Amino acid sequence: MSPRLLYRAVSIAEAVTWTALIAAMVARYAAGAEVPFFFAIGLAHGTVFIAFVVTTVVVGLNQRWPWWLIVVAGLTAVPPYGTLVMDAVLERRRRLEGDWRTEAGSDPRDRTPIDRLLRWFLRHPWMFAVVLVVVVAVLTTVALVAGPPVG
């Protein structure tokens, strides 16, 4: 899966969980209906939110985005459907083109510790997947312990 496809898939997943969360909130608060799976929807949304931010960092580092673009792209998960807008902007500006950088090139940035670590993980995708799942799980657990974002 290319950086473009990974970013797009997680962007869409974030939008889908936003839709489910908004529908559950409307049913719960506006219609007064108790949504038995409200917690599960919130958990799914929070987990995909964290996965989107992690994906944004990984793709941004691979694509050599400036730090501020990684931050802005990650923040687009906060407003509903912002990830889809950011995906379209990145696509239009050709920021998602190219493959994973698994080998060092002539660019001096390829010698930085972060780039070397990223390339090592990209050459070991199963290990990378396990580490990323653990990171998302730990961050999700921390978020659950901290409580809901509002109220």
Protein backbone atom coordinates (compact mmCIF):
# COMPACT_ATOMS: atom_id res chain seq x y z
CA MET A 1 0.00 0.00 0.00
CA SER A 2 1.44 3.36 -1.02
CA PRO A 3 1.61 6.38 1.32
CA ARG A 4 -1.23 7.94 -0.71
CA LEU A 5 -3.52 4.94 -0.30
CA LEU A 6 -2.75 4.53 3.40
CA TYR A 7 -3.39 8.21 4.11
CA ARG A 8 -6.61 8.13 2.07
CA ALA A 9 -7.90 4.96 3.74
CA VAL A 10 -7.34 6.32 7.24
CA SER A 11 -8.80 9.72 6.23
CA ILE A 12 -11.96 8.00 5.02
CA ALA A 13 -12.11 5.82 8.14
CA GLU A 14 -11.91 8.97 10.28
CA ALA A 15 -14.79 10.53 8.32
CA VAL A 16 -16.86 7.35 8.69
CA THR A 17 -16.35 7.29 12.46
CA TRP A 18 -17.25 11.00 12.62
CA THR A 19 -20.50 10.18 10.81
CA ALA A 20 -21.29 7.36 13.23
CA LEU A 21 -20.46 9.54 16.23
CA ILE A 22 -22.57 12.45 15.01
CA ALA A 23 -25.52 10.13 14.27
CA ALA A 24 -25.23 8.57 17.74
CA MET A 25 -25.03 12.00 19.39
CA VAL A 26 -28.10 13.23 17.50
CA ALA A 27 -30.01 10.10 18.51
CA ARG A 28 -28.89 10.39 22.12
CA TYR A 29 -29.12 14.12 22.78
CA ALA A 30 -31.58 15.51 20.24
CA ALA A 31 -34.01 12.60 19.99
CA GLY A 32 -33.58 11.44 23.56
CA ALA A 33 -32.95 7.87 22.43
CA GLU A 34 -30.48 5.80 24.36
CA VAL A 35 -27.86 4.44 22.02
CA PRO A 36 -26.62 1.19 23.59
CA PHE A 37 -23.43 1.16 21.57
CA PHE A 38 -22.58 4.85 22.15
CA PHE A 39 -19.41 3.95 24.04
CA ALA A 40 -18.28 1.60 21.26
CA ILE A 41 -18.81 4.30 18.62
CA GLY A 42 -16.87 6.81 20.71
CA LEU A 43 -14.08 4.29 21.27
CA ALA A 44 -13.90 3.49 17.56
CA HIS A 45 -13.80 7.17 16.68
CA GLY A 46 -11.10 7.91 19.26
CA THR A 47 -8.99 4.97 18.12
CA VAL A 48 -9.26 5.95 14.45
CA PHE A 49 -8.51 9.58 15.39
CA ILE A 50 -5.26 8.48 17.04
CA ALA A 51 -4.49 6.14 14.13
CA PHE A 52 -5.00 9.05 11.72
CA VAL A 53 -2.56 11.26 13.63
CA VAL A 54 0.03 8.45 13.76
CA THR A 55 -0.48 7.77 10.03
CA THR A 56 -0.10 11.48 9.29
CA VAL A 57 3.25 11.59 11.10
CA VAL A 58 4.55 8.48 9.31
CA VAL A 59 3.36 9.59 5.85
CA GLY A 60 4.52 13.15 6.48
CA LEU A 61 8.02 12.01 7.43
CA ASN A 62 8.19 9.69 4.44
CA GLN A 63 6.99 12.41 2.05
CA ARG A 64 9.31 14.99 3.65
CA TRP A 65 6.56 17.38 4.62
CA PRO A 66 7.67 20.36 6.70
CA TRP A 67 6.89 19.94 10.41
CA TRP A 68 4.12 22.54 10.30
CA LEU A 69 2.30 20.62 7.53
CA ILE A 70 2.42 17.42 9.60
CA VAL A 71 0.91 19.33 12.54
CA VAL A 72 -1.79 20.98 10.41
CA ALA A 73 -2.65 17.68 8.69
CA GLY A 74 -2.94 15.95 12.07
CA LEU A 75 -5.20 18.70 13.41
CA THR A 76 -7.62 18.20 10.53
CA ALA A 77 -8.98 15.18 12.40
CA VAL A 78 -10.48 17.52 15.00
CA PRO A 79 -13.30 19.09 12.93
CA PRO A 80 -15.72 16.65 11.31
CA TYR A 81 -14.64 15.63 7.80
CA GLY A 82 -11.49 17.77 7.94
CA THR A 83 -9.39 14.75 6.98
CA LEU A 84 -11.19 14.48 3.64
CA VAL A 85 -10.52 18.15 2.90
CA MET A 86 -6.86 17.77 3.83
CA ASP A 87 -6.55 14.65 1.68
CA ALA A 88 -7.88 16.62 -1.30
CA VAL A 89 -5.50 19.53 -0.60
CA LEU A 90 -2.50 17.21 -0.29
CA GLU A 91 -3.50 15.39 -3.47
CA ARG A 92 -3.91 18.65 -5.40
CA ARG A 93 -0.51 19.88 -4.18
CA ARG A 94 1.07 16.52 -5.04
CA ARG A 95 2.21 15.92 -1.46
CA LEU A 96 1.11 12.27 -1.49
CA GLU A 97 3.03 11.15 -4.57
CA GLY A 98 5.77 8.57 -4.44
CA ASP A 99 6.49 5.29 -2.75
CA TRP A 100 7.81 4.45 0.67
CA ARG A 101 11.45 5.49 1.05
CA THR A 102 13.06 2.21 2.08
CA GLU A 103 16.55 3.03 0.81
CA ALA A 104 18.78 6.02 1.45
CA GLY A 105 19.30 8.37 -1.45
CA SER A 106 21.61 11.29 -2.05
CA ASP A 107 19.49 13.68 0.02
CA PRO A 108 21.39 14.71 3.18
CA ARG A 109 18.19 14.27 5.22
CA ASP A 110 18.48 10.52 4.59
CA ARG A 111 21.31 10.45 7.12
CA THR A 112 19.23 11.79 10.02
CA PRO A 113 18.35 9.35 12.82
CA ILE A 114 14.59 9.74 12.21
CA ASP A 115 14.94 8.94 8.51
CA ARG A 116 17.15 5.94 9.22
CA LEU A 117 14.68 4.62 11.79
CA LEU A 118 11.75 5.18 9.44
CA ARG A 119 13.53 3.32 6.63
CA TRP A 120 14.38 0.43 8.95
CA PHE A 121 10.75 0.10 9.98
CA LEU A 122 9.56 0.42 6.37
CA ARG A 123 11.86 -2.48 5.45
CA HIS A 124 10.30 -4.50 8.30
CA PRO A 125 6.59 -3.81 7.75
CA TRP A 126 5.24 -6.46 10.15
CA MET A 127 7.39 -5.12 12.97
CA PHE A 128 6.31 -1.59 12.05
CA ALA A 129 2.64 -2.61 12.05
CA VAL A 130 2.96 -4.21 15.48
CA VAL A 131 4.73 -1.13 16.91
CA LEU A 132 2.11 1.20 15.43
CA VAL A 133 -0.76 -0.92 16.79
CA VAL A 134 0.87 -0.85 20.23
CA VAL A 135 1.35 2.94 20.03
CA VAL A 136 -2.29 3.45 19.02
CA ALA A 137 -3.47 1.08 21.78
CA VAL A 138 -1.38 2.83 24.44
CA LEU A 139 -2.57 6.29 23.35
CA THR A 140 -6.17 5.08 23.23
CA THR A 141 -5.82 3.66 26.75
CA VAL A 142 -4.40 6.95 27.99
CA ALA A 143 -7.32 8.80 26.36
CA LEU A 144 -9.82 6.43 28.00
CA VAL A 145 -8.25 6.96 31.40
CA ALA A 146 -8.25 10.74 30.87
CA GLY A 147 -11.96 10.68 30.03
CA PRO A 148 -14.06 12.17 27.26
CA PRO A 149 -12.78 15.31 25.54
CA VAL A 150 -15.76 17.42 26.73
CA GLY A 151 -17.68 17.16 29.98
